[in-house]
Amino acid sequence: MTTTTAHQIPDAPMSLDHLAGLPVDALDALYRDASLPASLKSLNGTPKGRMLAVRGLDRTPLFTPISLISAASVFPWDGKSFNATSDQNGTGINRINLTLLQQEWFPFQTRIEPSVIDGRDCIYLDYDLPENPWFIRKIRDELRQVADGLFLGPAMWKSANNRAALVLWFAIDNRQ
């Protein structure tokens, strides 16, 4: 198996579409090379979100259909809304389209803390809030900035011993 490193990733303009075409190992390398913004306030607003690659499916025939579905306007997850309360803390909620009306579900708190991927600082989206169902409270999302206003992160499942397993990669674009 070949490992993709950050220097092997083509120098294409960074966008949700570009990131959606990358396999899991390239997204991992890009995330490891990414950084934090000066302030969480750079996430404020309603950035567009996109599911990028599901672990284990990126090198199968399902990769292209999943990529197309996640980019379609009918895909239920539209992104996240963020409100920084300081440079290092904030709140947010997911925007879901299941009907003609957009809904906001599954709130989270944001803060800077070490990533479970590599131990470097990341923006941690903490869903372990009383108002969330138990299965949402088991999600661990992280973000790092890969370009101005463009954030990449792993969505992980927390196990009983508080370890986290990668489920998929997603991105948030605050430039749209």
C-alpha atoms as a PDB file:
ATOM      1  CA  MET A   1       0.000   0.000   0.000  1.00  0.00           C
ATOM      2  CA  THR A   2       1.284   3.440  -0.913  1.00  0.00           C
ATOM      3  CA  THR A   3       1.130   6.200   1.664  1.00  0.00           C
ATOM      4  CA  THR A   4       0.222   9.655   0.431  1.00  0.00           C
ATOM      5  CA  THR A   5       2.110  12.484   2.058  1.00  0.00           C
ATOM      6  CA  ALA A   6       1.212  16.142   2.015  1.00  0.00           C
ATOM      7  CA  HIS A   7       3.873  16.935  -0.582  1.00  0.00           C
ATOM      8  CA  GLN A   8       2.231  14.421  -2.979  1.00  0.00           C
ATOM      9  CA  ILE A   9      -1.097  16.243  -2.923  1.00  0.00           C
ATOM     10  CA  PRO A  10      -1.557  18.258  -6.124  1.00  0.00           C
ATOM     11  CA  ASP A  11      -1.361  22.032  -5.865  1.00  0.00           C
ATOM     12  CA  ALA A  12      -4.986  22.556  -6.877  1.00  0.00           C
ATOM     13  CA  PRO A  13      -6.958  25.458  -5.430  1.00  0.00           C
ATOM     14  CA  MET A  14      -8.369  24.321  -2.110  1.00  0.00           C
ATOM     15  CA  SER A  15     -12.146  23.922  -2.208  1.00  0.00           C
ATOM     16  CA  LEU A  16     -14.798  21.494  -1.018  1.00  0.00           C
ATOM     17  CA  ASP A  17     -14.793  19.937  -4.500  1.00  0.00           C
ATOM     18  CA  HIS A  18     -11.010  19.492  -4.445  1.00  0.00           C
ATOM     19  CA  LEU A  19     -11.051  17.938  -0.969  1.00  0.00           C
ATOM     20  CA  ALA A  20     -13.939  15.624  -1.949  1.00  0.00           C
ATOM     21  CA  GLY A  21     -11.729  14.070  -4.626  1.00  0.00           C
ATOM     22  CA  LEU A  22      -8.959  13.075  -2.205  1.00  0.00           C
ATOM     23  CA  PRO A  23      -8.667   9.601  -0.654  1.00  0.00           C
ATOM     24  CA  VAL A  24      -8.632   9.082   3.113  1.00  0.00           C
ATOM     25  CA  ASP A  25      -4.828   8.880   3.376  1.00  0.00           C
ATOM     26  CA  ALA A  26      -4.390  12.202   1.526  1.00  0.00           C
ATOM     27  CA  LEU A  27      -6.990  13.878   3.760  1.00  0.00           C
ATOM     28  CA  ASP A  28      -5.165  12.516   6.804  1.00  0.00           C
ATOM     29  CA  ALA A  29      -1.841  13.933   5.557  1.00  0.00           C
ATOM     30  CA  LEU A  30      -3.426  17.297   4.780  1.00  0.00           C
ATOM     31  CA  TYR A  31      -5.032  17.424   8.244  1.00  0.00           C
ATOM     32  CA  ARG A  32      -1.726  16.637   9.939  1.00  0.00           C
ATOM     33  CA  ASP A  33      -0.075  19.532   8.058  1.00  0.00           C
ATOM     34  CA  ALA A  34      -2.929  21.982   8.711  1.00  0.00           C
ATOM     35  CA  SER A  35      -3.005  24.656  11.404  1.00  0.00           C
ATOM     36  CA  LEU A  36      -5.364  26.560  13.652  1.00  0.00           C
ATOM     37  CA  PRO A  37      -6.777  29.979  12.839  1.00  0.00           C
ATOM     38  CA  ALA A  38      -5.758  32.888  15.075  1.00  0.00           C
ATOM     39  CA  SER A  39      -9.279  32.855  16.529  1.00  0.00           C
ATOM     40  CA  LEU A  40     -12.344  30.614  16.494  1.00  0.00           C
ATOM     41  CA  LYS A  41     -14.177  33.743  15.350  1.00  0.00           C
ATOM     42  CA  SER A  42     -13.007  32.857  11.830  1.00  0.00           C
ATOM     43  CA  LEU A  43     -15.633  30.071  11.907  1.00  0.00           C
ATOM     44  CA  ASN A  44     -18.496  32.390  12.928  1.00  0.00           C
ATOM     45  CA  GLY A  45     -21.545  32.129  10.728  1.00  0.00           C
ATOM     46  CA  THR A  46     -23.076  29.333   8.702  1.00  0.00           C
ATOM     47  CA  PRO A  47     -20.280  27.714   6.686  1.00  0.00           C
ATOM     48  CA  LYS A  48     -21.190  25.106   4.084  1.00  0.00           C
ATOM     49  CA  GLY A  49     -20.256  21.565   5.021  1.00  0.00           C
ATOM     50  CA  ARG A  50     -19.446  18.479   2.981  1.00  0.00           C
ATOM     51  CA  MET A  51     -18.869  14.856   3.867  1.00  0.00           C
ATOM     52  CA  LEU A  52     -15.674  13.925   1.998  1.00  0.00           C
ATOM     53  CA  ALA A  53     -14.678  10.281   2.423  1.00  0.00           C
ATOM     54  CA  VAL A  54     -15.884   7.386   4.537  1.00  0.00           C
ATOM     55  CA  ARG A  55     -13.093   5.247   5.995  1.00  0.00           C
ATOM     56  CA  GLY A  56     -12.744   2.009   4.080  1.00  0.00           C
ATOM     57  CA  LEU A  57     -14.875   3.103   1.127  1.00  0.00           C
ATOM     58  CA  ASP A  58     -12.481   5.551  -0.534  1.00  0.00           C
ATOM     59  CA  ARG A  59     -10.782   2.891  -2.667  1.00  0.00           C
ATOM     60  CA  THR A  60     -13.953   1.037  -3.647  1.00  0.00           C
ATOM     61  CA  PRO A  61     -16.554   1.541  -6.391  1.00  0.00           C
ATOM     62  CA  LEU A  62     -18.743   3.263  -3.766  1.00  0.00           C
ATOM     63  CA  PHE A  63     -16.380   6.284  -3.525  1.00  0.00           C
ATOM     64  CA  THR A  64     -17.726   8.133  -6.583  1.00  0.00           C
ATOM     65  CA  PRO A  65     -21.443   7.663  -5.805  1.00  0.00           C
ATOM     66  CA  ILE A  66     -20.923   8.702  -2.173  1.00  0.00           C
ATOM     67  CA  SER A  67     -18.982  11.791  -3.295  1.00  0.00           C
ATOM     68  CA  LEU A  68     -21.743  12.750  -5.733  1.00  0.00           C
ATOM     69  CA  ILE A  69     -24.500  12.245  -3.164  1.00  0.00           C
ATOM     70  CA  SER A  70     -22.667  14.266  -0.495  1.00  0.00           C
ATOM     71  CA  ALA A  71     -22.286  17.180  -2.947  1.00  0.00           C
ATOM     72  CA  ALA A  72     -25.952  17.090  -4.008  1.00  0.00           C
ATOM     73  CA  SER A  73     -28.449  19.617  -2.727  1.00  0.00           C
ATOM     74  CA  VAL A  74     -30.584  16.736  -1.397  1.00  0.00           C
ATOM     75  CA  PHE A  75     -27.848  15.538   0.989  1.00  0.00           C
ATOM     76  CA  PRO A  76     -29.328  16.159   4.467  1.00  0.00           C
ATOM     77  CA  TRP A  77     -26.262  17.644   6.205  1.00  0.00           C
ATOM     78  CA  ASP A  78     -25.755  21.242   5.069  1.00  0.00           C
ATOM     79  CA  GLY A  79     -23.001  22.271   7.473  1.00  0.00           C
ATOM     80  CA  LYS A  80     -22.546  23.723  10.921  1.00  0.00           C
ATOM     81  CA  SER A  81     -23.315  27.098  12.446  1.00  0.00           C
ATOM     82  CA  PHE A  82     -20.650  28.553  14.736  1.00  0.00           C
ATOM     83  CA  ASN A  83     -20.625  31.316  17.345  1.00  0.00           C
ATOM     84  CA  ALA A  84     -17.283  31.991  19.035  1.00  0.00           C
ATOM     85  CA  THR A  85     -17.578  33.303  22.586  1.00  0.00           C
ATOM     86  CA  SER A  86     -13.812  33.979  22.693  1.00  0.00           C
ATOM     87  CA  ASP A  87     -10.764  33.280  20.541  1.00  0.00           C
ATOM     88  CA  GLN A  88     -10.596  29.721  21.911  1.00  0.00           C
ATOM     89  CA  ASN A  89     -14.179  28.773  22.827  1.00  0.00           C
ATOM     90  CA  GLY A  90     -17.602  28.804  21.270  1.00  0.00           C
ATOM     91  CA  THR A  91     -20.809  26.996  20.477  1.00  0.00           C
ATOM     92  CA  GLY A  92     -22.375  25.566  17.375  1.00  0.00           C
ATOM     93  CA  ILE A  93     -25.071  23.389  15.888  1.00  0.00           C
ATOM     94  CA  ASN A  94     -25.533  21.210  12.802  1.00  0.00           C
ATOM     95  CA  ARG A  95     -27.802  22.317   9.961  1.00  0.00           C
ATOM     96  CA  ILE A  96     -29.919  19.472   8.589  1.00  0.00           C
ATOM     97  CA  ASN A  97     -32.308  19.515   5.609  1.00  0.00           C
ATOM     98  CA  LEU A  98     -34.786  16.649   5.899  1.00  0.00           C
ATOM     99  CA  THR A  99     -37.757  18.576   4.581  1.00  0.00           C
ATOM    100  CA  LEU A 100     -38.218  21.844   2.760  1.00  0.00           C
ATOM    101  CA  LEU A 101     -37.292  23.595   6.005  1.00  0.00           C
ATOM    102  CA  GLN A 102     -33.755  23.665   7.339  1.00  0.00           C
ATOM    103  CA  GLN A 103     -33.476  22.370  10.894  1.00  0.00           C
ATOM    104  CA  GLU A 104     -30.788  22.819  13.521  1.00  0.00           C
ATOM    105  CA  TRP A 105     -29.918  19.672  15.442  1.00  0.00           C
ATOM    106  CA  PHE A 106     -27.151  18.402  17.688  1.00  0.00           C
ATOM    107  CA  PRO A 107     -25.493  21.364  19.400  1.00  0.00           C
ATOM    108  CA  PHE A 108     -21.828  21.300  20.343  1.00  0.00           C
ATOM    109  CA  GLN A 109     -19.253  23.360  22.191  1.00  0.00           C
ATOM    110  CA  THR A 110     -15.952  24.287  20.559  1.00  0.00           C
ATOM    111  CA  ARG A 111     -12.571  24.619  22.192  1.00  0.00           C
ATOM    112  CA  ILE A 112      -8.903  24.160  21.431  1.00  0.00           C
ATOM    113  CA  GLU A 113      -7.427  20.877  22.650  1.00  0.00           C
ATOM    114  CA  PRO A 114      -4.992  18.186  21.477  1.00  0.00           C
ATOM    115  CA  SER A 115      -6.141  16.040  18.569  1.00  0.00           C
ATOM    116  CA  VAL A 116      -6.509  12.305  19.066  1.00  0.00           C
ATOM    117  CA  ILE A 117      -5.028  11.948  15.561  1.00  0.00           C
ATOM    118  CA  ASP A 118      -1.573  13.405  16.265  1.00  0.00           C
ATOM    119  CA  GLY A 119      -1.603  15.210  19.645  1.00  0.00           C
ATOM    120  CA  ARG A 120      -1.312  18.676  18.068  1.00  0.00           C
ATOM    121  CA  ASP A 121      -3.901  21.344  18.856  1.00  0.00           C
ATOM    122  CA  CYS A 122      -7.191  21.223  16.973  1.00  0.00           C
ATOM    123  CA  ILE A 123     -10.645  22.737  17.198  1.00  0.00           C
ATOM    124  CA  TYR A 124     -12.628  20.132  19.125  1.00  0.00           C
ATOM    125  CA  LEU A 125     -16.389  19.973  18.593  1.00  0.00           C
ATOM    126  CA  ASP A 126     -17.769  18.487  21.804  1.00  0.00           C
ATOM    127  CA  TYR A 127     -21.234  16.905  21.437  1.00  0.00           C
ATOM    128  CA  ASP A 128     -21.261  15.480  24.972  1.00  0.00           C
ATOM    129  CA  LEU A 129     -24.119  17.752  26.038  1.00  0.00           C
ATOM    130  CA  PRO A 130     -27.256  16.715  27.973  1.00  0.00           C
ATOM    131  CA  GLU A 131     -29.591  17.837  25.161  1.00  0.00           C
ATOM    132  CA  ASN A 132     -28.020  15.449  22.627  1.00  0.00           C
ATOM    133  CA  PRO A 133     -29.062  11.790  22.288  1.00  0.00           C
ATOM    134  CA  TRP A 134     -26.517   9.251  23.589  1.00  0.00           C
ATOM    135  CA  PHE A 135     -25.319   8.265  20.108  1.00  0.00           C
ATOM    136  CA  ILE A 136     -24.568  11.895  19.153  1.00  0.00           C
ATOM    137  CA  ARG A 137     -22.673  12.354  22.424  1.00  0.00           C
ATOM    138  CA  LYS A 138     -20.311   9.577  21.208  1.00  0.00           C
ATOM    139  CA  ILE A 139     -19.162  11.660  18.204  1.00  0.00           C
ATOM    140  CA  ARG A 140     -15.816  13.439  18.277  1.00  0.00           C
ATOM    141  CA  ASP A 141     -15.295  16.002  15.511  1.00  0.00           C
ATOM    142  CA  GLU A 142     -12.075  17.952  15.065  1.00  0.00           C
ATOM    143  CA  LEU A 143     -11.134  20.750  12.666  1.00  0.00           C
ATOM    144  CA  ARG A 144      -8.003  22.419  11.352  1.00  0.00           C
ATOM    145  CA  GLN A 145      -7.666  25.138   8.741  1.00  0.00           C
ATOM    146  CA  VAL A 146      -6.249  23.990   5.374  1.00  0.00           C
ATOM    147  CA  ALA A 147      -6.789  27.315   3.562  1.00  0.00           C
ATOM    148  CA  ASP A 148      -8.207  30.684   4.555  1.00  0.00           C
ATOM    149  CA  GLY A 149     -11.819  29.938   5.575  1.00  0.00           C
ATOM    150  CA  LEU A 150     -11.588  26.229   4.657  1.00  0.00           C
ATOM    151  CA  PHE A 151     -11.463  23.659   7.461  1.00  0.00           C
ATOM    152  CA  LEU A 152     -10.887  19.900   7.324  1.00  0.00           C
ATOM    153  CA  GLY A 153     -11.599  17.395  10.040  1.00  0.00           C
ATOM    154  CA  PRO A 154     -12.169  13.811  11.062  1.00  0.00           C
ATOM    155  CA  ALA A 155     -15.493  12.637  12.455  1.00  0.00           C
ATOM    156  CA  MET A 156     -14.820   9.866  14.954  1.00  0.00           C
ATOM    157  CA  TRP A 157     -16.737   7.507  17.233  1.00  0.00           C
ATOM    158  CA  LYS A 158     -15.725   7.488  20.907  1.00  0.00           C
ATOM    159  CA  SER A 159     -15.564   4.031  22.478  1.00  0.00           C
ATOM    160  CA  ALA A 160     -16.173   3.123  26.107  1.00  0.00           C
ATOM    161  CA  ASN A 161     -12.506   3.668  27.009  1.00  0.00           C
ATOM    162  CA  ASN A 162     -12.689   7.172  25.448  1.00  0.00           C
ATOM    163  CA  ARG A 163     -10.606   6.193  22.423  1.00  0.00           C
ATOM    164  CA  ALA A 164     -11.832   7.468  19.064  1.00  0.00           C
ATOM    165  CA  ALA A 165     -12.050   5.587  15.759  1.00  0.00           C
ATOM    166  CA  LEU A 166     -12.188   7.413  12.433  1.00  0.00           C
ATOM    167  CA  VAL A 167     -15.548   7.157  10.674  1.00  0.00           C
ATOM    168  CA  LEU A 168     -15.222   9.783   7.947  1.00  0.00           C
ATOM    169  CA  TRP A 169     -13.613  13.065   6.864  1.00  0.00           C
ATOM    170  CA  PHE A 170     -15.596  16.269   6.397  1.00  0.00           C
ATOM    171  CA  ALA A 171     -14.906  19.889   5.542  1.00  0.00           C
ATOM    172  CA  ILE A 172     -16.399  23.276   6.381  1.00  0.00           C
ATOM    173  CA  ASP A 173     -16.098  26.232   3.982  1.00  0.00           C
ATOM    174  CA  ASN A 174     -16.756  29.680   5.450  1.00  0.00           C
ATOM    175  CA  ARG A 175     -15.975  31.421   2.137  1.00  0.00           C
ATOM    176  CA  GLN A 176     -19.278  30.553   0.463  1.00  0.00           C
END
